[in-house]
Protein backbone atom coordinates (compact mmCIF):
# COMPACT_ATOMS: atom_id res chain seq x y z
CA UNK A 1 -16.29 25.22 -0.82
CA UNK A 2 -15.49 25.83 -4.50
CA UNK A 3 -14.97 29.11 -6.31
CA UNK A 4 -14.02 29.12 -9.99
CA UNK A 5 -11.56 31.67 -11.32
CA UNK A 6 -11.38 32.53 -15.00
CA UNK A 7 -9.16 34.75 -17.10
CA UNK A 8 -9.74 38.38 -16.27
CA UNK A 9 -7.75 41.45 -15.36
CA UNK A 10 -7.59 40.37 -11.67
CA UNK A 11 -7.07 36.64 -12.24
CA UNK A 12 -5.08 36.07 -15.44
CA UNK A 13 -5.09 32.25 -15.20
CA UNK A 14 -7.97 29.77 -15.18
CA UNK A 15 -8.17 28.09 -11.83
CA UNK A 16 -10.23 26.81 -8.96
CA UNK A 17 -10.17 27.91 -5.32
CA UNK A 18 -11.04 25.19 -2.83
CA UNK A 19 -11.15 24.95 0.97
CA UNK A 20 -9.71 21.75 2.44
CA UNK A 21 -9.56 20.31 5.94
CA UNK A 22 -6.85 18.15 7.51
CA UNK A 23 -8.91 15.00 6.93
CA UNK A 24 -10.01 13.81 4.54
CA UNK A 25 -7.52 15.34 2.16
CA UNK A 26 -8.10 16.27 -1.46
CA UNK A 27 -6.54 14.03 -4.12
CA UNK A 28 -5.44 15.92 -7.25
CA UNK A 29 -4.92 14.16 -10.58
CA UNK A 30 -3.36 16.86 -12.74
CA UNK A 31 -2.45 16.10 -16.34
CA UNK A 32 -1.36 19.65 -17.29
CA UNK A 33 1.07 20.82 -14.56
CA UNK A 34 -0.87 23.31 -12.44
CA UNK A 35 0.32 25.18 -9.38
CA UNK A 36 -1.26 25.26 -5.94
CA UNK A 37 -1.17 28.68 -4.25
CA UNK A 38 -2.12 28.77 -0.59
CA UNK A 39 -4.51 31.68 -0.05
CA UNK A 40 -5.21 31.14 3.65
CA UNK A 41 -3.84 28.83 6.35
CA UNK A 42 -1.19 26.14 5.85
CA UNK A 43 -1.38 23.30 3.34
CA UNK A 44 0.21 19.87 3.62
CA UNK A 45 1.11 18.56 0.16
CA UNK A 46 2.47 15.13 -0.69
CA UNK A 47 3.00 13.61 -4.14
CA UNK A 48 3.11 9.92 -5.04
CA UNK A 49 6.69 8.74 -5.32
CA UNK A 50 8.19 11.83 -3.66
CA UNK A 51 9.84 11.04 -0.29
CA UNK A 52 9.40 14.53 1.26
CA UNK A 53 6.15 16.30 2.00
CA UNK A 54 5.68 20.05 1.62
CA UNK A 55 4.05 22.37 4.14
CA UNK A 56 3.22 25.70 2.52
CA UNK A 57 1.87 28.82 4.20
CA UNK A 58 -0.29 31.63 2.84
CA UNK A 59 1.16 33.24 -0.28
CA UNK A 60 3.30 30.24 -1.25
CA UNK A 61 2.86 28.52 -4.63
CA UNK A 62 3.80 24.89 -5.14
CA UNK A 63 4.13 23.47 -8.68
CA UNK A 64 2.24 20.24 -9.33
CA UNK A 65 3.98 17.78 -11.65
CA UNK A 66 1.74 16.60 -14.51
CA UNK A 67 0.72 12.97 -14.26
CA UNK A 68 1.61 12.67 -10.55
CA UNK A 69 -1.20 12.19 -8.02
CA UNK A 70 -0.98 14.76 -5.22
CA UNK A 71 -2.73 14.69 -1.86
CA UNK A 72 -3.47 18.10 -0.38
CA UNK A 73 -4.85 18.81 3.06
CA UNK A 74 -4.79 21.48 5.73
CA UNK A 75 -1.87 21.30 8.13
CA UNK A 76 -4.09 22.74 10.86
CA UNK A 77 -7.77 23.66 10.68
CA UNK A 78 -8.94 24.66 7.22
CA UNK A 79 -6.92 26.14 4.38
CA UNK A 80 -7.92 27.67 1.07
CA UNK A 81 -5.88 26.83 -2.01
CA UNK A 82 -6.05 28.22 -5.55
CA UNK A 83 -5.23 25.62 -8.20
CA UNK A 84 -4.09 27.54 -11.32
CA UNK A 85 -3.52 26.17 -14.78
CA UNK A 86 -0.35 26.95 -16.75
CA UNK A 87 -0.50 30.27 -18.61
CA UNK A 88 0.02 28.67 -22.04
CA UNK A 89 -3.18 26.62 -21.81
CA UNK A 90 -6.32 28.36 -22.98
CA UNK A 91 -9.00 25.86 -21.99
CA UNK A 92 -8.63 23.70 -18.89
CA UNK A 93 -11.32 21.57 -17.27
CA UNK A 94 -11.66 20.97 -13.52
CA UNK A 95 -13.75 18.02 -12.35
CA UNK A 96 -14.38 17.36 -8.66
CA UNK A 97 -15.80 13.96 -7.68
CA UNK A 98 -16.07 11.91 -4.53
CA UNK A 99 -14.74 8.38 -4.90
CA UNK A 100 -14.82 6.05 -1.91
CA UNK A 101 -15.11 8.94 0.54
CA UNK A 102 -12.17 10.84 -0.97
CA UNK A 103 -12.61 14.03 -2.99
CA UNK A 104 -10.69 13.75 -6.27
CA UNK A 105 -9.98 16.82 -8.39
CA UNK A 106 -9.14 15.95 -11.99
CA UNK A 107 -7.55 18.59 -14.19
CA UNK A 108 -7.14 18.21 -17.95
CA UNK A 109 -6.79 20.35 -21.04
CA UNK A 110 -9.98 20.43 -23.05
CA UNK A 111 -9.66 19.58 -26.67
CA UNK A 112 -11.86 20.85 -29.43
CA UNK A 113 -11.48 18.15 -32.08
CA UNK A 114 -13.80 19.76 -34.63
CA UNK A 115 -12.01 23.11 -34.45
CA UNK A 116 -8.67 21.32 -34.83
CA UNK A 117 -9.97 19.33 -37.79
CA UNK A 118 -11.39 22.43 -39.48
CA UNK A 119 -8.05 24.23 -39.08
CA UNK A 120 -6.20 21.27 -40.62
CA UNK A 121 -8.55 21.09 -43.59
CA UNK A 122 -8.21 24.84 -44.18
CA UNK A 123 -4.40 24.63 -44.01
CA UNK A 124 -4.30 21.71 -46.46
CA UNK A 125 -6.64 23.49 -48.87
CA UNK A 126 -4.57 26.69 -48.73
CA UNK A 127 -1.36 24.74 -49.33
CA UNK A 128 -2.93 22.86 -52.22
CA UNK A 129 -4.04 26.10 -53.85
CA UNK A 130 -0.51 27.51 -53.63
CA UNK A 131 1.38 24.38 -54.66
CA UNK A 132 -0.85 22.63 -57.14
CA UNK A 133 -1.51 24.52 -60.29
CA UNK A 134 -3.81 22.70 -62.64
CA UNK A 135 -3.05 23.41 -66.27
CA UNK A 136 -4.87 21.92 -69.23
CA UNK A 137 -2.88 19.25 -71.04
CA UNK A 138 -2.04 19.97 -74.65
CA UNK A 139 -4.03 18.07 -77.19
CA UNK A 140 -2.28 16.07 -79.84
C-alpha cells in the first residue's frame, strides 16, 4: 500500500508512506539521505555494511545514509513507514519497482537542467552588463 505525502501544513516534507510485511522486505536505494519514521507496528531495518540491525517502534525515526542500500521489513505482522526527504530538498522523486521478486524503492533528487541553464545564462548576462562597458574607440 502506497500513500504519497507532499509539502503542506500537516506534512511539511515530501515523502512516501508504505506498508511492509516481514517477508519479503523492501529494499531502499536512497541517494539523498531520507529518514524512515515508523507510523504503525515495528520495523526491522538493516543497512549494507552496518553490523547491527535496528528495530524501531511506532513514532521512531531512523536516518537513512545516502548511497547505502537499506532493507526494511516488519518485525512482526505488518508495519507502516513514512519515508521523508530532507527538508532542504525541494523536489524528490520516489520510484517503486519489483526486481526479481523484491520491491526496490529508489529515491533521488530531481534535477531541472533547463531551469538551471536558464538561471546560469541570466546570471552571466547580468554580470556582463555590470562589468563590461562598451565604449566607442577614438578615431585617429
